[in-house]
Amino acid sequence: ANLLGFMYLVYAIELALEDYEYIIRLNKMLYVDVAKRYHTEPICVDRCIRSAIEKAFISGNTICATELFVNVTYKNVPTATQFLSRMYFYIINNEHEKRLLT
């Protein structure tokens, strides 16, 4: 489930980078489109994404997690919406900074 969740997260972030509306309409739009791509149900996408986020924060790189997410602990894991939104803005801001430096 964690590997599936990771694949779903990667695709979800790709979709969100194309259109931020995906993050706003997580259940009605994002999970549906991810489920279609991977031939599964939106509820499975939701569960796998939540599991992957939880696993990453419990046993992943805690230094990186705390840099990206303020006040995060293994007891206070971000929601899927919080995680996707933060990753979206992190990627957008880093891309913008790279363009400014070149």
Protein backbone atom coordinates (compact mmCIF):
# COMPACT_ATOMS: atom_id res chain seq x y z
CA ALA A 1 0.00 0.00 0.00
CA ASN A 2 2.87 2.41 0.74
CA LEU A 3 4.39 1.98 -2.72
CA LEU A 4 0.99 2.45 -4.33
CA GLY A 5 0.41 5.49 -2.16
CA PHE A 6 3.75 6.93 -3.26
CA MET A 7 2.89 6.39 -6.95
CA TYR A 8 -0.52 7.96 -6.38
CA LEU A 9 1.11 10.93 -4.61
CA VAL A 10 3.55 11.52 -7.45
CA TYR A 11 0.76 11.51 -10.02
CA ALA A 12 -1.46 13.65 -7.78
CA ILE A 13 1.30 16.26 -7.47
CA GLU A 14 1.80 16.22 -11.24
CA LEU A 15 -1.92 16.86 -11.73
CA ALA A 16 -1.92 19.62 -9.11
CA LEU A 17 1.02 21.33 -10.81
CA GLU A 18 -1.05 21.45 -13.99
CA ASP A 19 -4.14 22.79 -12.20
CA TYR A 20 -4.35 23.87 -8.53
CA GLU A 21 -8.10 23.14 -8.61
CA TYR A 22 -7.12 19.50 -8.03
CA ILE A 23 -5.99 20.34 -4.50
CA ILE A 24 -9.10 22.36 -3.79
CA ARG A 25 -11.32 19.53 -5.03
CA LEU A 26 -9.35 16.61 -3.65
CA ASN A 27 -12.14 14.05 -3.24
CA LYS A 28 -14.31 15.07 -6.18
CA MET A 29 -11.58 15.57 -8.75
CA LEU A 30 -8.05 14.51 -7.79
CA TYR A 31 -8.77 11.09 -6.30
CA VAL A 32 -11.16 10.31 -9.15
CA ASP A 33 -8.56 11.10 -11.83
CA VAL A 34 -5.79 9.22 -10.01
CA ALA A 35 -8.12 6.23 -9.61
CA LYS A 36 -8.92 6.26 -13.33
CA ARG A 37 -5.23 6.28 -14.22
CA TYR A 38 -4.46 3.31 -11.97
CA HIS A 39 -7.73 1.41 -12.55
CA THR A 40 -8.89 1.51 -8.95
CA GLU A 41 -11.45 3.29 -6.77
CA PRO A 42 -11.10 6.82 -5.34
CA ILE A 43 -11.48 5.48 -1.79
CA CYS A 44 -8.47 3.22 -2.36
CA VAL A 45 -6.45 6.18 -3.63
CA ASP A 46 -7.40 8.16 -0.52
CA ARG A 47 -6.44 5.34 1.83
CA CYS A 48 -3.12 4.60 0.09
CA ILE A 49 -2.12 8.27 -0.02
CA ARG A 50 -2.93 8.72 3.68
CA SER A 51 -0.96 5.56 4.51
CA ALA A 52 2.05 6.69 2.48
CA ILE A 53 2.08 10.12 4.14
CA GLU A 54 1.76 8.57 7.58
CA LYS A 55 4.52 6.05 6.89
CA ALA A 56 6.82 8.78 5.57
CA PHE A 57 6.35 10.89 8.68
CA ILE A 58 6.70 8.01 11.11
CA SER A 59 9.76 6.32 9.63
CA GLY A 60 11.07 8.76 7.04
CA ASN A 61 13.50 11.65 7.10
CA THR A 62 12.27 13.64 10.10
CA ILE A 63 14.67 16.53 9.48
CA CYS A 64 13.27 17.05 6.00
CA ALA A 65 9.71 16.66 7.27
CA THR A 66 10.13 19.25 9.98
CA GLU A 67 11.72 21.70 7.52
CA LEU A 68 8.77 21.39 5.15
CA PHE A 69 6.02 21.08 7.73
CA VAL A 70 6.02 23.17 10.90
CA ASN A 71 4.91 21.44 14.12
CA VAL A 72 4.90 17.97 12.59
CA THR A 73 5.49 14.94 14.76
CA TYR A 74 4.66 11.29 14.34
CA LYS A 75 1.46 12.07 16.27
CA ASN A 76 0.62 15.15 14.18
CA VAL A 77 0.88 13.91 10.59
CA PRO A 78 -0.43 16.34 7.95
CA THR A 79 -3.63 15.54 6.13
CA ALA A 80 -3.49 14.66 2.45
CA THR A 81 -4.71 18.15 1.57
CA GLN A 82 -2.06 19.78 3.76
CA PHE A 83 0.66 17.54 2.36
CA LEU A 84 -0.28 18.02 -1.30
CA SER A 85 -0.74 21.76 -0.88
CA ARG A 86 2.63 22.16 0.85
CA MET A 87 4.42 20.08 -1.78
CA TYR A 88 2.74 22.08 -4.54
CA PHE A 89 3.93 25.40 -3.11
CA TYR A 90 7.38 24.01 -2.33
CA ILE A 91 7.85 22.91 -5.95
CA ILE A 92 6.40 26.12 -7.39
CA ASN A 93 8.60 28.32 -5.17
CA ASN A 94 11.75 26.34 -5.94
CA GLU A 95 11.07 26.48 -9.68
CA HIS A 96 10.55 30.23 -9.43
CA GLU A 97 13.82 30.65 -7.50
CA LYS A 98 15.71 28.57 -10.08
CA ARG A 99 14.41 30.79 -12.88
CA LEU A 100 15.47 33.91 -10.99
CA LEU A 101 19.01 32.56 -10.53
CA THR A 102 19.53 31.72 -14.19
